[in-house]
N, C-alpha and C. Protein backbone atom coordinates (compact mmCIF):
# COMPACT_ATOMS: atom_id res chain seq x y z
N MET A 1 45.88 172.84 23.03
CA MET A 1 47.09 172.18 24.11
C MET A 1 46.90 172.86 25.44
N LYS A 2 47.54 172.19 26.27
CA LYS A 2 47.60 172.83 27.56
C LYS A 2 48.76 171.76 28.17
N PRO A 3 49.01 172.33 29.22
CA PRO A 3 50.06 171.56 30.26
C PRO A 3 49.37 170.42 31.25
N TYR A 4 50.12 169.36 31.29
CA TYR A 4 49.63 168.33 32.47
C TYR A 4 50.97 167.99 32.89
N VAL A 5 50.94 167.07 33.90
CA VAL A 5 51.88 166.29 34.70
C VAL A 5 51.81 164.64 34.37
N ILE A 6 52.81 163.96 33.85
CA ILE A 6 52.79 162.50 33.62
C ILE A 6 53.55 162.18 35.09
N VAL A 7 52.93 161.27 35.52
CA VAL A 7 53.86 160.29 36.57
C VAL A 7 53.75 158.87 36.25
N MET A 8 55.18 158.49 36.05
CA MET A 8 55.59 157.18 35.57
C MET A 8 55.81 156.38 37.09
N LEU A 9 54.98 155.41 37.19
CA LEU A 9 54.92 154.71 38.39
C LEU A 9 56.17 153.46 37.99
N THR A 10 57.17 153.00 38.65
CA THR A 10 58.00 152.07 38.70
C THR A 10 58.02 151.13 40.01
N THR A 11 58.52 150.12 39.58
CA THR A 11 58.79 149.06 40.92
C THR A 11 59.37 149.92 42.09
N GLY A 12 58.64 149.88 43.21
CA GLY A 12 59.06 150.42 44.51
C GLY A 12 60.11 149.55 45.02
N SER A 13 60.82 149.81 46.28
CA SER A 13 61.52 149.18 47.17
C SER A 13 61.05 148.02 47.85
N ALA A 14 59.81 148.29 48.16
CA ALA A 14 59.04 147.24 49.12
C ALA A 14 58.86 145.89 48.48
N LYS A 15 58.93 144.82 49.25
CA LYS A 15 58.46 143.53 48.61
C LYS A 15 57.42 142.94 49.67
N VAL A 16 56.31 142.89 49.02
CA VAL A 16 54.84 142.36 49.97
C VAL A 16 54.87 141.01 49.38
N GLU A 17 55.30 140.15 50.63
CA GLU A 17 55.14 138.62 49.91
C GLU A 17 53.77 138.15 50.11
N ASP A 18 53.03 138.99 51.23
CA ASP A 18 51.60 138.45 51.66
C ASP A 18 50.80 138.75 50.43
N LYS A 19 50.16 137.72 49.84
CA LYS A 19 49.37 138.00 48.83
C LYS A 19 47.99 138.64 49.02
N THR A 20 47.53 138.21 50.23
CA THR A 20 46.17 139.08 50.68
C THR A 20 46.41 140.57 50.96
N LYS A 21 47.82 140.87 51.47
CA LYS A 21 48.23 142.38 51.73
C LYS A 21 48.26 142.62 50.71
N MET A 22 48.80 142.12 49.38
CA MET A 22 49.21 142.91 48.22
C MET A 22 47.96 143.10 47.36
N GLY A 23 46.82 142.00 47.56
CA GLY A 23 45.64 142.38 47.06
C GLY A 23 44.87 143.51 47.73
N GLU A 24 45.14 143.67 48.90
CA GLU A 24 44.29 145.16 49.39
C GLU A 24 45.04 146.15 49.27
N LEU A 25 46.36 146.31 48.92
CA LEU A 25 47.12 147.33 48.14
C LEU A 25 46.66 147.79 46.93
N MET A 26 46.54 146.85 45.84
CA MET A 26 45.87 147.03 44.56
C MET A 26 44.97 147.59 44.58
N LYS A 27 43.80 146.58 45.48
CA LYS A 27 42.38 147.40 45.54
C LYS A 27 42.37 148.84 45.80
N GLY A 28 43.07 149.24 46.76
CA GLY A 28 43.43 150.49 47.34
C GLY A 28 43.96 151.56 46.16
N HIS A 29 44.77 151.09 45.47
CA HIS A 29 45.37 151.50 44.25
C HIS A 29 44.35 152.00 43.17
N LEU A 30 43.60 150.80 43.09
CA LEU A 30 42.57 151.01 42.10
C LEU A 30 41.71 152.17 42.53
N ALA A 31 40.94 151.92 43.67
CA ALA A 31 39.95 152.95 44.25
C ALA A 31 40.50 154.42 44.30
N ASN A 32 41.72 154.39 44.55
CA ASN A 32 42.45 155.80 44.64
C ASN A 32 42.62 156.31 43.34
N ILE A 33 42.66 155.60 42.33
CA ILE A 33 42.72 155.84 40.95
C ILE A 33 41.18 156.53 40.73
N ARG A 34 40.17 155.74 40.97
CA ARG A 34 38.94 156.07 40.80
C ARG A 34 38.37 157.40 41.50
N LYS A 35 38.83 157.47 42.64
CA LYS A 35 38.49 158.67 43.41
C LYS A 35 39.24 160.09 42.52
N LEU A 36 40.40 159.85 42.47
CA LEU A 36 41.06 160.76 41.73
C LEU A 36 40.57 161.41 40.36
N SER A 37 40.08 160.22 39.46
CA SER A 37 39.27 160.45 38.37
C SER A 37 38.15 161.31 38.53
N ASP A 38 37.18 160.67 39.70
CA ASP A 38 36.26 161.32 39.81
C ASP A 38 36.33 162.93 40.31
N GLU A 39 37.43 163.20 40.84
CA GLU A 39 37.64 164.53 41.03
C GLU A 39 38.19 165.36 39.90
N GLY A 40 38.18 164.59 39.06
CA GLY A 40 38.92 165.48 37.79
C GLY A 40 40.31 165.67 37.68
N LYS A 41 41.18 165.15 38.66
CA LYS A 41 42.62 165.18 39.10
C LYS A 41 43.35 164.24 37.98
N ILE A 42 42.92 162.98 37.74
CA ILE A 42 43.58 162.03 36.80
C ILE A 42 42.84 161.81 35.68
N VAL A 43 43.28 162.29 34.47
CA VAL A 43 42.75 162.19 33.29
C VAL A 43 43.00 161.00 32.15
N VAL A 44 44.25 160.43 32.70
CA VAL A 44 44.57 158.81 32.22
C VAL A 44 45.28 158.27 33.42
N ALA A 45 44.95 156.85 33.22
CA ALA A 45 45.93 155.99 34.12
C ALA A 45 45.59 154.52 33.66
N GLY A 46 46.84 153.80 33.78
CA GLY A 46 47.06 152.67 33.60
C GLY A 46 48.39 151.76 33.56
N PRO A 47 48.19 150.75 33.53
CA PRO A 47 49.58 149.93 33.55
C PRO A 47 50.34 149.68 32.13
N PHE A 48 51.54 149.34 32.02
CA PHE A 48 52.15 148.88 30.84
C PHE A 48 52.06 147.54 30.76
N LEU A 49 51.73 146.90 29.97
CA LEU A 49 51.46 145.70 29.21
C LEU A 49 52.51 144.73 29.14
N GLU A 50 53.70 145.34 28.76
CA GLU A 50 55.08 144.47 28.57
C GLU A 50 56.39 145.40 29.51
N LYS A 51 57.09 144.36 30.12
CA LYS A 51 58.46 144.85 30.67
C LYS A 51 59.20 146.03 29.98
N ASN A 52 59.71 147.15 30.29
CA ASN A 52 60.61 147.80 29.41
C ASN A 52 61.81 148.05 30.40
N LYS A 53 62.92 148.78 29.59
CA LYS A 53 64.11 148.86 30.48
C LYS A 53 64.14 149.77 31.40
N GLU A 54 63.20 150.86 31.44
CA GLU A 54 62.93 151.96 32.39
C GLU A 54 62.29 151.21 33.76
N ASP A 55 62.02 150.07 33.58
CA ASP A 55 60.98 149.25 34.49
C ASP A 55 59.61 150.37 35.31
N TYR A 56 59.26 150.85 33.99
CA TYR A 56 58.12 151.78 34.30
C TYR A 56 56.88 150.37 34.37
N ARG A 57 55.84 150.55 35.36
CA ARG A 57 54.96 149.86 35.64
C ARG A 57 53.58 150.48 35.11
N GLY A 58 53.47 151.86 35.44
CA GLY A 58 52.06 152.33 34.78
C GLY A 58 52.37 153.79 34.84
N MET A 59 51.23 154.56 34.42
CA MET A 59 51.38 155.84 34.58
C MET A 59 50.33 156.54 34.83
N PHE A 60 50.29 157.80 35.27
CA PHE A 60 49.22 158.80 35.43
C PHE A 60 49.29 160.06 34.67
N ILE A 61 48.25 160.59 34.02
CA ILE A 61 48.60 161.78 33.52
C ILE A 61 47.61 162.91 34.46
N PHE A 62 48.15 163.52 35.15
CA PHE A 62 47.36 164.61 35.93
C PHE A 62 46.79 165.81 35.25
N ASN A 63 45.98 166.44 35.69
CA ASN A 63 45.10 167.58 35.17
C ASN A 63 45.58 168.74 35.91
N THR A 64 46.95 168.85 35.94
CA THR A 64 47.76 170.10 36.67
C THR A 64 48.92 170.42 35.84
N GLN A 65 49.23 171.78 36.16
CA GLN A 65 50.71 171.99 35.68
C GLN A 65 51.64 172.11 36.62
N SER A 66 51.33 171.60 37.88
CA SER A 66 52.15 171.81 39.12
C SER A 66 52.85 170.33 39.46
N LYS A 67 53.97 170.34 39.27
CA LYS A 67 54.64 168.87 39.78
C LYS A 67 54.41 168.54 41.25
N GLU A 68 54.27 169.64 41.99
CA GLU A 68 54.22 169.70 43.43
C GLU A 68 52.78 169.28 43.60
N GLU A 69 51.96 169.63 43.01
CA GLU A 69 50.27 169.09 43.36
C GLU A 69 50.47 167.75 42.71
N ALA A 70 50.98 167.18 41.78
CA ALA A 70 50.85 165.80 41.11
C ALA A 70 51.69 165.07 42.16
N GLU A 71 52.60 165.56 42.66
CA GLU A 71 53.03 164.56 43.81
C GLU A 71 52.39 164.45 45.07
N GLN A 72 51.77 165.45 45.31
CA GLN A 72 50.80 165.22 46.62
C GLN A 72 49.77 164.39 46.18
N TRP A 73 49.03 164.25 45.11
CA TRP A 73 47.93 163.21 44.74
C TRP A 73 48.68 161.82 44.38
N VAL A 74 49.72 161.88 43.86
CA VAL A 74 50.46 160.42 43.68
C VAL A 74 50.60 159.84 45.19
N LYS A 75 50.89 160.73 46.17
CA LYS A 75 51.32 160.18 47.36
C LYS A 75 49.96 159.89 48.18
N THR A 76 48.73 159.92 47.76
CA THR A 76 47.51 159.58 48.30
C THR A 76 47.24 157.93 47.62
N ASP A 77 48.07 157.48 46.97
CA ASP A 77 48.11 156.09 46.48
C ASP A 77 48.41 155.12 47.54
N PRO A 78 47.68 154.30 48.40
CA PRO A 78 48.32 153.26 49.13
C PRO A 78 49.64 152.42 48.69
N ALA A 79 49.60 151.85 47.33
CA ALA A 79 50.54 151.12 46.82
C ALA A 79 51.78 152.19 46.88
N VAL A 80 51.82 153.26 46.50
CA VAL A 80 53.00 154.05 46.54
C VAL A 80 53.45 154.31 48.11
N MET A 81 52.31 154.59 49.00
CA MET A 81 52.80 154.88 50.51
C MET A 81 53.47 153.60 51.08
N ALA A 82 53.12 152.48 50.36
CA ALA A 82 53.51 151.26 51.01
C ALA A 82 54.90 150.99 50.28
N GLY A 83 55.31 151.65 49.55
CA GLY A 83 56.54 151.28 48.78
C GLY A 83 56.53 150.46 47.57
N VAL A 84 55.51 149.85 47.19
CA VAL A 84 54.94 149.04 46.42
C VAL A 84 55.75 149.50 45.00
N PHE A 85 55.31 150.71 44.91
CA PHE A 85 55.51 151.64 43.45
C PHE A 85 56.24 152.78 44.01
N SER A 86 56.99 153.36 43.17
CA SER A 86 57.73 154.55 43.28
C SER A 86 57.36 155.56 41.91
N TYR A 87 57.89 156.63 41.85
CA TYR A 87 57.63 157.26 40.49
C TYR A 87 58.43 158.43 40.27
N GLU A 88 58.24 158.62 39.00
CA GLU A 88 59.06 159.82 38.25
C GLU A 88 57.90 160.82 37.95
N ILE A 89 58.32 162.18 37.88
CA ILE A 89 57.52 163.05 37.57
C ILE A 89 58.04 164.12 36.50
N PHE A 90 57.05 164.20 35.51
CA PHE A 90 57.36 164.57 34.06
C PHE A 90 56.23 165.93 33.77
N PRO A 91 56.95 167.32 33.59
CA PRO A 91 55.84 168.14 33.12
C PRO A 91 55.55 167.59 31.61
N TRP A 92 54.26 167.88 30.95
CA TRP A 92 53.81 167.01 29.46
C TRP A 92 52.97 168.25 29.10
N TYR A 93 52.84 168.29 27.99
CA TYR A 93 52.01 169.28 26.84
C TYR A 93 50.97 168.42 26.27
N GLY A 94 49.94 168.47 26.04
CA GLY A 94 48.97 167.52 25.56
C GLY A 94 47.72 168.22 24.98
N SER A 95 46.70 167.61 24.32
CA SER A 95 45.53 168.46 23.66
C SER A 95 44.76 168.47 25.37
N ALA A 96 44.16 169.89 24.99
CA ALA A 96 43.27 170.48 26.17
C ALA A 96 41.99 169.55 26.14
N ALA A 97 41.58 169.01 25.21
CA ALA A 97 40.47 168.12 25.26
C ALA A 97 40.57 166.76 25.93
N LEU A 98 41.77 166.38 26.46
CA LEU A 98 41.86 165.09 27.08
C LEU A 98 41.07 164.88 28.23
N PRO A 99 40.71 165.63 29.09
CA PRO A 99 39.72 165.37 30.31
C PRO A 99 38.59 164.87 29.78
N MET A 100 37.95 165.48 28.49
CA MET A 100 36.51 165.22 28.04
C MET A 100 36.05 163.89 27.84
N TYR A 101 37.15 163.09 27.64
CA TYR A 101 36.78 161.51 27.40
C TYR A 101 36.31 160.94 28.48
N LEU A 102 36.77 161.42 29.86
CA LEU A 102 36.47 160.68 31.08
C LEU A 102 34.73 160.79 31.38
N LYS A 103 33.89 161.67 30.69
CA LYS A 103 32.56 161.49 31.00
C LYS A 103 32.18 160.38 30.11
N HIS A 104 32.62 159.75 29.20
CA HIS A 104 32.22 158.82 28.25
C HIS A 104 32.83 157.25 28.72
N HIS A 105 33.63 157.45 29.58
CA HIS A 105 34.36 156.20 29.94
C HIS A 105 33.46 155.22 30.40
N LYS A 106 32.48 155.40 31.48
CA LYS A 106 31.66 154.43 32.05
C LYS A 106 31.14 153.75 31.15
N GLU A 107 30.62 154.32 30.00
CA GLU A 107 29.57 154.07 29.14
C GLU A 107 30.32 152.79 28.30
N ILE A 108 31.62 152.81 27.91
CA ILE A 108 32.13 151.91 27.15
C ILE A 108 33.09 150.90 28.02
N ALA A 109 33.35 151.51 29.35
CA ALA A 109 34.58 150.50 30.07
C ALA A 109 34.07 148.93 30.00
N LYS A 110 34.60 148.24 30.19
CA LYS A 110 34.52 146.75 30.32
C LYS A 110 34.55 146.68 31.88
N GLU A 111 33.59 145.63 31.95
CA GLU A 111 33.51 145.38 33.79
C GLU A 111 34.61 144.58 34.13
N ASN A 112 35.09 143.66 33.54
CA ASN A 112 36.45 142.82 33.94
C ASN A 112 37.38 142.78 32.74
N PRO A 113 38.20 143.71 32.41
CA PRO A 113 39.04 143.64 31.15
C PRO A 113 39.95 142.60 31.17
């Protein structure tokens, strides 16, 4: 077991009506997740598939025990910077083996889920 930081993405205050602009922000969002994953900073990321009362849209599990460091990393997300997403940060304790799955992810990931 080891400490991590979970970031829960919520709906932000910005309303982006332009579908092209929103598409660019989402491409940037996904590219940033890949970059942070490749750097070993994100060990889990993904959207929630159903609405929930907390308005959580997705989550990141960051490979750090520092809330400040996790906040620096989440602020590199273009959708967060644009206000499409906001976030809440929580310390979390989980399996120390969690980052190990990343090396196998590309072997089994679907191209277009």
